[in-house]
N, C-alpha and C. Protein backbone atom coordinates (compact mmCIF):
# COMPACT_ATOMS: atom_id res chain seq x y z
N MET A 1 141.96 132.47 146.75
CA MET A 1 142.10 131.21 147.00
C MET A 1 142.69 130.33 145.78
N ALA A 2 143.61 129.78 145.73
CA ALA A 2 144.38 128.87 144.58
C ALA A 2 143.31 127.98 144.28
N ALA A 3 143.35 127.12 142.91
CA ALA A 3 142.45 126.15 142.40
C ALA A 3 142.50 124.97 143.62
N ALA A 4 143.23 124.74 143.83
CA ALA A 4 143.52 123.34 144.44
C ALA A 4 143.05 123.49 145.97
N GLU A 5 142.98 124.70 146.54
CA GLU A 5 142.14 125.19 147.89
C GLU A 5 140.72 125.20 147.63
N ASP A 6 140.32 125.76 146.53
CA ASP A 6 138.97 125.39 146.28
C ASP A 6 138.33 123.91 146.18
N ILE A 7 139.43 123.51 145.53
CA ILE A 7 138.84 121.87 145.03
C ILE A 7 138.88 121.18 146.40
N ALA A 8 139.50 121.65 147.60
CA ALA A 8 139.96 120.97 148.70
C ALA A 8 138.69 120.95 149.61
N LEU A 9 138.14 122.49 149.45
CA LEU A 9 136.99 123.14 150.09
C LEU A 9 135.43 122.45 149.53
N VAL A 10 135.60 122.19 148.27
CA VAL A 10 134.53 121.57 147.51
C VAL A 10 134.62 119.99 147.97
N LYS A 11 135.61 119.51 148.11
CA LYS A 11 135.57 118.09 148.54
C LYS A 11 135.08 117.71 149.91
N LYS A 12 135.57 119.16 150.75
CA LYS A 12 135.07 119.15 152.12
C LYS A 12 133.36 118.88 152.40
N GLN A 13 132.75 119.96 151.56
CA GLN A 13 131.62 120.25 151.33
C GLN A 13 130.81 118.98 150.86
N GLU A 14 131.29 118.28 150.03
CA GLU A 14 130.76 116.93 149.45
C GLU A 14 130.69 115.86 150.68
N GLN A 15 131.89 115.98 151.35
CA GLN A 15 131.95 115.03 152.68
C GLN A 15 131.21 115.35 153.60
N GLU A 16 131.24 116.58 153.90
CA GLU A 16 130.27 116.96 155.34
C GLU A 16 129.08 117.54 155.41
N LEU A 17 128.72 117.58 154.05
CA LEU A 17 127.13 118.26 154.05
C LEU A 17 126.45 117.20 153.69
N VAL A 18 126.11 116.23 154.86
CA VAL A 18 125.43 114.75 154.49
C VAL A 18 124.09 114.95 155.47
N LEU A 19 123.21 114.71 154.99
CA LEU A 19 121.76 114.76 155.46
C LEU A 19 121.68 113.32 156.09
N ALA A 20 120.79 113.52 157.43
CA ALA A 20 120.49 112.26 158.01
C ALA A 20 119.34 111.40 157.40
N GLU A 21 118.42 111.91 156.87
CA GLU A 21 117.55 111.42 155.96
C GLU A 21 117.27 112.38 155.12
N PHE A 22 116.58 111.78 153.91
CA PHE A 22 116.08 112.75 152.70
C PHE A 22 114.53 112.21 152.39
N ASP A 23 113.63 113.17 152.24
CA ASP A 23 112.58 112.32 151.80
C ASP A 23 111.84 113.69 151.33
N GLU A 24 110.60 113.71 151.18
CA GLU A 24 109.65 114.75 150.28
C GLU A 24 109.57 115.92 151.21
N LYS A 25 109.37 116.06 152.60
CA LYS A 25 109.73 116.63 153.26
C LYS A 25 111.15 117.59 153.65
N VAL A 26 112.06 116.56 153.53
CA VAL A 26 113.56 117.47 153.50
C VAL A 26 113.40 118.43 152.27
N ALA A 27 113.02 117.82 150.93
CA ALA A 27 113.12 118.19 149.53
C ALA A 27 112.41 119.57 149.70
N PHE A 28 111.15 119.32 150.33
CA PHE A 28 110.38 120.80 149.97
C PHE A 28 111.10 121.89 151.09
N LYS A 29 111.24 121.42 152.54
CA LYS A 29 112.08 122.50 153.10
C LYS A 29 113.36 123.32 152.81
N LEU A 30 114.29 122.19 152.17
CA LEU A 30 115.41 122.90 151.32
C LEU A 30 114.75 123.63 150.10
N GLY A 31 113.97 123.33 149.66
CA GLY A 31 114.03 124.15 148.00
C GLY A 31 112.88 125.37 148.65
N SER A 32 112.06 125.20 149.61
CA SER A 32 111.43 126.32 150.03
C SER A 32 112.49 127.46 150.46
N ALA A 33 113.36 127.02 151.24
CA ALA A 33 114.06 128.14 151.72
C ALA A 33 114.95 128.69 150.51
N ILE A 34 115.54 128.06 149.63
CA ILE A 34 116.28 128.57 148.87
C ILE A 34 115.48 129.24 147.98
N ARG A 35 114.08 128.96 147.58
CA ARG A 35 113.35 129.99 146.83
C ARG A 35 113.00 131.27 147.71
N ASP A 36 112.78 131.03 149.19
CA ASP A 36 112.46 132.34 149.92
C ASP A 36 113.68 133.20 149.89
N ARG A 37 115.14 132.64 149.82
CA ARG A 37 115.87 133.57 149.63
C ARG A 37 116.03 134.28 148.24
N ALA A 38 115.96 133.65 147.11
CA ALA A 38 115.98 133.91 146.04
C ALA A 38 114.94 134.97 145.95
N LEU A 39 113.73 134.80 146.20
CA LEU A 39 112.78 136.25 146.53
C LEU A 39 112.97 137.42 147.33
N ALA A 40 113.97 136.98 148.27
CA ALA A 40 114.19 137.94 149.41
C ALA A 40 115.40 138.62 148.67
N GLU A 41 116.29 138.15 148.07
CA GLU A 41 117.33 138.94 147.53
C GLU A 41 117.47 139.19 145.92
N GLY A 42 116.14 139.03 145.33
CA GLY A 42 115.99 139.16 144.10
C GLY A 42 116.64 138.29 143.36
N LEU A 43 117.21 137.07 143.46
CA LEU A 43 117.91 136.51 142.73
C LEU A 43 117.10 135.85 141.50
N SER A 44 117.38 135.64 140.50
CA SER A 44 116.95 134.77 139.20
C SER A 44 117.44 133.47 139.28
N LEU A 45 116.64 132.63 139.77
CA LEU A 45 117.00 131.11 139.70
C LEU A 45 116.25 130.12 139.71
N VAL A 46 116.38 128.94 139.45
CA VAL A 46 115.49 127.72 139.15
C VAL A 46 116.13 126.73 140.34
N VAL A 47 115.73 125.99 140.95
CA VAL A 47 115.97 125.19 142.07
C VAL A 47 115.46 124.02 141.71
N ASP A 48 115.93 122.65 141.63
CA ASP A 48 115.39 121.55 141.58
C ASP A 48 116.19 120.58 142.35
N ILE A 49 115.30 119.94 143.31
CA ILE A 49 115.82 118.85 144.16
C ILE A 49 115.44 117.19 143.72
N ARG A 50 116.15 116.31 143.84
CA ARG A 50 115.41 115.26 143.63
C ARG A 50 116.50 114.17 143.70
N THR A 51 115.91 112.80 143.85
CA THR A 51 116.38 111.31 143.97
C THR A 51 116.75 111.22 142.34
N TRP A 52 117.51 110.08 142.27
CA TRP A 52 117.88 109.71 140.93
C TRP A 52 116.66 109.31 140.19
N ASP A 53 115.82 108.83 140.78
CA ASP A 53 114.55 108.40 139.59
C ASP A 53 113.08 109.27 139.93
N ARG A 54 113.56 110.55 140.48
CA ARG A 54 112.33 111.54 140.63
C ARG A 54 112.58 112.88 141.07
N GLN A 55 112.02 113.48 140.60
CA GLN A 55 111.93 115.09 140.92
C GLN A 55 111.20 115.48 142.20
N MET A 56 111.53 116.00 143.15
CA MET A 56 110.72 116.53 144.56
C MET A 56 110.44 117.57 144.83
N PHE A 57 111.09 118.49 144.17
CA PHE A 57 110.96 120.01 144.25
C PHE A 57 111.50 120.76 143.24
N PHE A 58 110.49 121.59 142.83
CA PHE A 58 111.13 122.53 141.58
C PHE A 58 110.60 123.97 141.90
N ALA A 59 111.09 125.17 141.50
CA ALA A 59 110.70 126.38 141.75
C ALA A 59 111.54 127.02 140.74
N ALA A 60 110.97 128.36 139.96
CA ALA A 60 111.58 129.13 139.24
C ALA A 60 111.30 130.62 139.95
N THR A 61 112.17 131.53 139.65
CA THR A 61 111.60 132.87 140.19
C THR A 61 111.71 133.70 139.00
N SER A 62 110.98 134.94 139.08
CA SER A 62 111.15 135.78 137.62
C SER A 62 112.62 135.95 137.44
N GLY A 63 112.32 136.33 135.77
CA GLY A 63 113.70 136.31 135.18
C GLY A 63 114.47 134.88 134.65
N THR A 64 113.74 133.77 135.11
CA THR A 64 114.45 132.79 134.41
C THR A 64 113.94 132.53 133.23
N SER A 65 114.34 131.09 132.35
CA SER A 65 113.28 130.71 131.34
C SER A 65 113.57 129.32 131.34
N ALA A 66 112.97 128.88 130.04
CA ALA A 66 113.45 127.11 130.10
C ALA A 66 114.88 126.89 129.57
N ASP A 67 115.64 127.67 129.32
CA ASP A 67 117.15 127.57 129.49
C ASP A 67 117.44 126.92 130.70
N ASN A 68 117.12 127.82 131.45
CA ASN A 68 117.76 127.59 133.19
C ASN A 68 117.20 125.85 133.36
N ALA A 69 116.16 125.36 133.27
CA ALA A 69 115.90 124.22 133.36
C ALA A 69 116.52 123.18 132.54
N GLU A 70 116.88 123.78 131.45
CA GLU A 70 117.71 122.80 130.65
C GLU A 70 119.36 122.94 131.24
N TRP A 71 119.67 123.88 131.59
CA TRP A 71 121.15 123.96 132.40
C TRP A 71 121.23 122.64 133.48
N VAL A 72 119.92 122.82 134.48
CA VAL A 72 119.57 121.98 135.62
C VAL A 72 119.91 120.69 135.07
N ARG A 73 119.33 120.32 134.00
CA ARG A 73 118.78 118.61 133.48
C ARG A 73 120.36 118.07 133.06
N ARG A 74 121.02 119.03 132.68
CA ARG A 74 122.49 118.68 132.29
C ARG A 74 123.36 118.90 133.62
N LYS A 75 123.50 119.46 134.35
CA LYS A 75 124.15 119.48 135.55
C LYS A 75 123.64 118.45 136.39
N ILE A 76 122.40 117.95 136.59
CA ILE A 76 121.95 116.56 136.90
C ILE A 76 122.78 115.38 136.89
N ASN A 77 122.69 115.55 135.25
CA ASN A 77 123.56 114.18 134.63
C ASN A 77 125.16 114.47 134.82
N SER A 78 125.70 115.39 134.82
CA SER A 78 127.14 115.35 135.20
C SER A 78 127.27 115.30 136.62
N VAL A 79 126.76 115.77 137.98
CA VAL A 79 126.65 115.10 139.17
C VAL A 79 126.49 113.57 139.27
N ARG A 80 125.46 112.97 138.45
CA ARG A 80 125.28 111.77 138.68
C ARG A 80 126.42 110.95 138.29
N ARG A 81 126.98 111.14 136.92
CA ARG A 81 127.72 110.38 136.32
C ARG A 81 129.22 110.32 137.12
N PHE A 82 129.40 111.49 137.57
CA PHE A 82 130.88 111.80 138.02
C PHE A 82 130.64 111.85 139.59
N GLN A 83 129.78 111.84 140.32
CA GLN A 83 129.49 111.54 141.44
C GLN A 83 130.37 112.66 142.52
N ARG A 84 129.92 113.79 141.84
CA ARG A 84 130.57 115.10 142.62
C ARG A 84 130.24 116.38 142.13
N ALA A 85 130.24 117.57 143.18
CA ALA A 85 129.48 118.66 142.54
C ALA A 85 130.04 119.11 141.22
N SER A 86 128.97 119.92 140.24
CA SER A 86 129.21 120.07 139.30
C SER A 86 130.51 121.13 138.92
N TYR A 87 130.24 122.27 140.22
CA TYR A 87 131.37 123.22 140.26
C TYR A 87 132.91 122.26 140.72
N ARG A 88 132.91 121.34 141.00
CA ARG A 88 134.26 120.79 141.14
C ARG A 88 135.09 120.28 139.79
N LEU A 89 134.04 120.08 139.20
CA LEU A 89 134.36 119.50 137.56
C LEU A 89 134.90 121.11 136.98
N VAL A 90 133.98 121.90 137.21
CA VAL A 90 134.48 123.20 136.59
C VAL A 90 136.26 123.75 137.15
N LEU A 91 136.23 123.16 138.51
CA LEU A 91 137.72 123.63 138.93
C LEU A 91 138.45 122.45 138.68
N GLU A 92 138.14 121.21 138.45
CA GLU A 92 139.11 120.15 138.28
C GLU A 92 139.64 120.58 136.29
N ARG A 93 138.52 120.78 135.72
CA ARG A 93 138.71 120.29 134.49
C ARG A 93 138.69 121.77 133.59
N GLY A 94 138.13 122.63 133.84
CA GLY A 94 138.00 123.90 133.41
C GLY A 94 136.39 124.03 132.49
N GLU A 95 136.20 125.06 132.10
CA GLU A 95 134.83 124.91 131.59
C GLU A 95 134.44 124.38 130.25
N ALA A 96 135.46 124.18 129.38
CA ALA A 96 135.28 123.56 128.04
C ALA A 96 134.47 121.95 128.18
N PRO A 97 133.49 122.28 127.06
CA PRO A 97 132.67 120.97 127.27
C PRO A 97 133.18 119.60 127.11
N PHE A 98 132.91 118.64 127.44
CA PHE A 98 133.31 117.42 127.42
C PHE A 98 133.92 116.75 125.86
N SER A 99 134.92 116.13 125.80
CA SER A 99 135.52 115.76 124.58
C SER A 99 134.43 114.78 124.22
N PRO A 100 134.44 114.55 122.56
CA PRO A 100 133.43 113.51 122.13
C PRO A 100 134.02 112.13 122.38
N GLN A 101 135.52 111.95 122.95
CA GLN A 101 135.90 110.69 123.55
C GLN A 101 135.09 110.71 124.98
N SER A 102 135.11 111.26 125.55
CA SER A 102 134.36 111.25 127.01
C SER A 102 133.36 110.28 126.98
N GLY A 103 132.32 110.58 126.05
CA GLY A 103 130.85 109.66 125.85
C GLY A 103 130.27 110.46 126.65
N ALA A 104 130.53 111.80 127.45
CA ALA A 104 129.51 112.44 127.92
C ALA A 104 129.16 113.92 126.85
N ASP A 105 128.12 113.45 126.17
CA ASP A 105 127.24 114.29 125.14
C ASP A 105 127.07 115.45 125.63
N PRO A 106 127.97 116.28 125.04
CA PRO A 106 127.49 118.06 125.91
C PRO A 106 125.82 118.72 125.64
N ALA A 107 125.26 117.81 124.81
CA ALA A 107 124.03 117.80 124.75
C ALA A 107 123.21 117.47 126.32
N ASP A 108 123.72 116.61 126.96
CA ASP A 108 123.28 116.00 128.17
C ASP A 108 124.49 115.86 129.16
N TYR A 109 125.41 116.77 128.86
CA TYR A 109 126.44 117.01 130.15
C TYR A 109 126.96 118.45 130.10
N VAL A 110 127.03 118.82 131.39
CA VAL A 110 127.83 120.32 131.28
C VAL A 110 128.87 120.56 132.26
N ILE A 111 129.78 120.96 132.02
CA ILE A 111 130.97 121.44 133.11
C ILE A 111 130.27 122.64 133.94
N ALA A 112 129.41 122.96 134.58
CA ALA A 112 128.81 124.33 135.04
C ALA A 112 128.81 124.34 136.78
N GLY A 113 129.10 124.98 137.33
CA GLY A 113 128.52 125.28 138.71
C GLY A 113 127.07 125.31 138.97
N GLY A 114 126.49 124.27 140.36
CA GLY A 114 125.25 124.66 140.28
C GLY A 114 124.52 123.15 140.97
N GLY A 115 125.35 122.23 140.61
CA GLY A 115 124.65 120.73 140.90
C GLY A 115 125.34 120.11 141.81
N PHE A 116 124.84 120.26 143.03
CA PHE A 116 125.31 119.44 144.24
C PHE A 116 124.72 118.18 144.78
N PRO A 117 125.73 117.13 145.10
CA PRO A 117 125.41 115.99 145.19
C PRO A 117 124.71 115.99 146.67
N ILE A 118 123.19 115.04 146.76
CA ILE A 118 123.04 115.01 147.88
C ILE A 118 123.31 113.63 148.46
N ARG A 119 124.12 113.90 149.58
CA ARG A 119 124.29 112.58 150.23
C ARG A 119 123.62 112.14 151.58
N VAL A 120 123.42 111.18 151.89
CA VAL A 120 122.85 110.69 152.86
C VAL A 120 123.29 109.71 153.68
N LYS A 121 123.36 109.97 155.09
CA LYS A 121 124.39 109.13 156.26
C LYS A 121 124.09 107.43 155.57
N GLY A 122 125.20 106.79 155.65
CA GLY A 122 124.44 105.64 155.68
C GLY A 122 123.92 105.08 153.96
N ALA A 123 123.86 105.96 153.23
CA ALA A 123 123.64 105.66 151.83
C ALA A 123 124.06 106.11 150.98
N GLY A 124 124.94 107.14 150.96
CA GLY A 124 125.95 107.43 150.15
C GLY A 124 124.84 108.50 149.18
N ILE A 125 125.55 108.78 147.97
CA ILE A 125 124.94 109.93 146.89
C ILE A 125 123.53 109.45 146.45
N ILE A 126 122.45 109.92 146.31
CA ILE A 126 121.10 109.49 146.34
C ILE A 126 120.63 110.54 145.15
N GLY A 127 120.80 111.55 144.96
CA GLY A 127 120.25 112.67 144.36
C GLY A 127 121.30 113.65 144.07
N CYS A 128 120.48 115.14 143.88
CA CYS A 128 121.16 115.98 143.63
C CYS A 128 119.93 117.16 143.96
N LEU A 129 120.84 118.18 144.29
CA LEU A 129 120.18 119.47 144.57
C LEU A 129 120.92 120.56 143.60
N THR A 130 120.18 121.52 142.43
CA THR A 130 120.42 121.85 141.56
C THR A 130 120.20 123.40 141.65
N ILE A 131 120.78 124.47 141.41
CA ILE A 131 120.81 125.60 141.04
C ILE A 131 120.92 126.03 139.80
N SER A 132 120.30 127.28 138.98
CA SER A 132 120.86 127.48 137.95
C SER A 132 120.30 129.21 137.43
N GLY A 133 120.90 130.07 137.22
CA GLY A 133 120.59 131.47 137.00
C GLY A 133 121.60 132.23 137.31
N LEU A 134 122.34 132.01 138.38
CA LEU A 134 123.52 132.64 138.60
C LEU A 134 124.87 132.41 137.91
N PRO A 135 126.16 133.02 138.17
CA PRO A 135 126.97 132.57 137.75
C PRO A 135 127.44 131.13 138.43
N GLY A 136 128.09 130.17 137.94
CA GLY A 136 128.13 128.94 138.35
C GLY A 136 129.11 128.83 139.77
N ARG A 137 129.75 129.60 140.24
CA ARG A 137 130.36 130.00 141.95
C ARG A 137 129.14 130.10 142.49
N SER A 138 128.41 131.32 142.37
CA SER A 138 127.42 131.52 143.01
C SER A 138 126.25 130.34 142.68
N ASP A 139 125.95 129.80 142.10
CA ASP A 139 124.71 128.90 142.26
C ASP A 139 125.11 127.90 143.00
N HIS A 140 126.33 127.42 142.75
CA HIS A 140 126.95 126.34 143.82
C HIS A 140 127.20 127.14 145.31
N GLY A 141 127.33 128.17 145.52
CA GLY A 141 127.23 128.67 146.51
C GLY A 141 125.77 128.67 147.29
N VAL A 142 124.72 129.13 146.60
CA VAL A 142 123.46 129.14 147.21
C VAL A 142 123.16 127.32 147.58
N ALA A 143 123.63 126.57 147.05
CA ALA A 143 123.13 125.23 147.20
C ALA A 143 124.00 124.85 148.53
N VAL A 144 125.15 125.02 148.98
CA VAL A 144 125.89 125.22 149.85
C VAL A 144 125.24 125.69 151.22
N ALA A 145 125.06 126.88 151.03
CA ALA A 145 124.36 127.65 151.90
C ALA A 145 123.29 127.11 152.58
N ALA A 146 122.23 126.74 151.33
CA ALA A 146 120.93 125.95 152.09
C ALA A 146 121.16 124.97 152.68
N LEU A 147 122.13 123.89 152.47
CA LEU A 147 122.42 122.73 153.05
C LEU A 147 123.27 123.12 154.60
N CYS A 148 124.01 124.05 154.62
CA CYS A 148 124.55 124.15 155.70
C CYS A 148 123.41 124.84 156.65
N ASP A 149 122.40 125.49 156.12
CA ASP A 149 121.41 126.18 157.10
C ASP A 149 120.53 125.27 157.46
N HIS A 150 120.32 123.80 156.72
CA HIS A 150 119.44 122.87 156.84
C HIS A 150 120.12 122.14 158.18
N LEU A 151 121.17 121.76 157.95
CA LEU A 151 121.92 120.92 158.95
C LEU A 151 122.80 121.84 160.27
N GLY A 152 122.45 123.34 160.34
CA GLY A 152 122.73 124.07 161.64
C GLY A 152 124.15 124.28 161.54
N LEU A 153 125.00 124.33 160.41
CA LEU A 153 126.52 124.42 160.28
C LEU A 153 126.44 126.01 160.02
N ASP A 154 127.90 126.52 160.35
CA ASP A 154 128.23 127.68 159.76
C ASP A 154 128.42 127.64 158.67
N ARG A 155 127.73 128.72 157.71
CA ARG A 155 127.83 128.86 156.38
C ARG A 155 129.41 129.70 155.78
N ALA A 156 129.85 130.18 157.07
CA ALA A 156 131.21 130.93 156.70
C ALA A 156 132.28 129.65 156.61
N VAL A 157 132.24 128.73 157.22
CA VAL A 157 133.12 127.58 157.15
C VAL A 157 133.43 126.76 156.07
N TYR A 158 132.14 126.76 155.05
CA TYR A 158 132.21 126.33 153.93
C TYR A 158 131.78 126.77 152.75
N ALA A 159 131.68 127.91 152.88
CA ALA A 159 131.63 128.90 152.13
C ALA A 159 132.93 129.24 150.99
N LEU A 160 132.76 129.15 149.50
CA LEU A 160 134.14 129.58 148.86
C LEU A 160 134.41 130.87 149.10
N PRO A 161 135.41 131.36 149.10
CA PRO A 161 135.73 133.23 149.24
C PRO A 161 135.16 133.75 147.88
N ALA A 162 134.96 134.95 147.89
CA ALA A 162 134.56 135.72 146.68
C ALA A 162 135.63 135.66 145.66
N GLU A 163 135.23 135.72 144.39
CA GLU A 163 136.50 135.54 143.55
C GLU A 163 136.96 136.85 143.13
């Protein structure tokens, strides 16, 4: 699939994977499902789910390190600033660090897949679901799959094809 088609699909994900509500129960349900999948499939990853003002779920599976939590922090900052999935930034800009002229210091922002905006119907983007530990496209895919499952949507309709 061409980059333009991938970008169009990520935009569709962002617009259609919308929660009716978001609170601690929803964060726990989503996060627990991701952690359970990681354990079942032997995936080493960190999952962080938050509103912009507070963390609501965090889990790390075997094989992760403090570096993964640092990647999560930087992905969250990128999603918040640019109001889009961090993997969309990869597709649109490439993986080179932000330039000094952008004002997005690479110490605080990263262009890497795995941060997905939490959009709530009637409220817009209120937070972020972030995965770190796998290649960026796979981190993104884990987040999208979890949202599809939570919303009762077919994963295949929203999944990016394998590279």
